[in-house]
Amino acid sequence: MTLEQPYSVRVQTRDDGTLFVNDSLGRVFMLTPAGQWNLYAGYSF
């Protein structure tokens, strides 16, 4: 049985409405105002 580890999500916003969200592995995903998800070329903030 695999258990999930709880973690707190951090969210940052940019002036143009872009959201940056981290995952449990420290990766940062970027959601643009156009609705596109991208893996941001950076690490957890």
Protein backbone atom coordinates (compact mmCIF):
# COMPACT_ATOMS: atom_id res chain seq x y z
CA MET A 1 0.00 0.00 0.00
CA THR A 2 1.36 3.41 -0.97
CA LEU A 3 0.59 6.38 1.24
CA GLU A 4 0.71 9.98 0.14
CA GLN A 5 2.76 12.45 2.14
CA PRO A 6 0.95 15.68 3.03
CA TYR A 7 2.60 18.96 2.06
CA SER A 8 1.72 22.63 1.90
CA VAL A 9 1.34 24.21 -1.49
CA ARG A 10 2.91 27.60 -2.07
CA VAL A 11 1.39 29.92 -4.61
CA GLN A 12 2.85 33.11 -6.04
CA THR A 13 1.32 35.46 -8.56
CA ARG A 14 2.81 37.77 -11.14
CA ASP A 15 1.43 41.16 -12.22
CA ASP A 16 0.11 39.69 -15.48
CA GLY A 17 -2.04 37.13 -13.60
CA THR A 18 0.30 34.16 -13.96
CA LEU A 19 0.20 31.69 -11.06
CA PHE A 20 3.21 29.71 -9.84
CA VAL A 21 2.46 26.57 -7.79
CA ASN A 22 4.94 24.13 -6.30
CA ASP A 23 4.51 20.36 -5.91
CA SER A 24 5.83 17.95 -3.28
CA LEU A 25 9.03 17.33 -5.29
CA GLY A 26 9.96 21.01 -5.36
CA ARG A 27 9.05 21.55 -9.00
CA VAL A 28 7.24 24.76 -9.88
CA PHE A 29 4.38 24.85 -12.37
CA MET A 30 3.21 28.00 -14.10
CA LEU A 31 -0.43 28.62 -15.06
CA THR A 32 -0.78 31.46 -17.55
CA PRO A 33 -3.89 33.65 -17.90
CA ALA A 34 -4.54 31.81 -21.21
CA GLY A 35 -5.00 28.59 -19.21
CA GLN A 36 -1.77 26.81 -20.16
CA TRP A 37 0.16 24.76 -17.55
CA ASN A 38 3.95 24.70 -17.96
CA LEU A 39 6.78 23.31 -15.87
CA TYR A 40 8.65 26.43 -14.81
CA ALA A 41 12.44 26.31 -15.25
CA GLY A 42 13.12 26.89 -11.59
CA TYR A 43 12.87 25.35 -8.17
CA SER A 44 10.64 25.78 -5.18
CA PHE A 45 10.38 29.34 -3.91
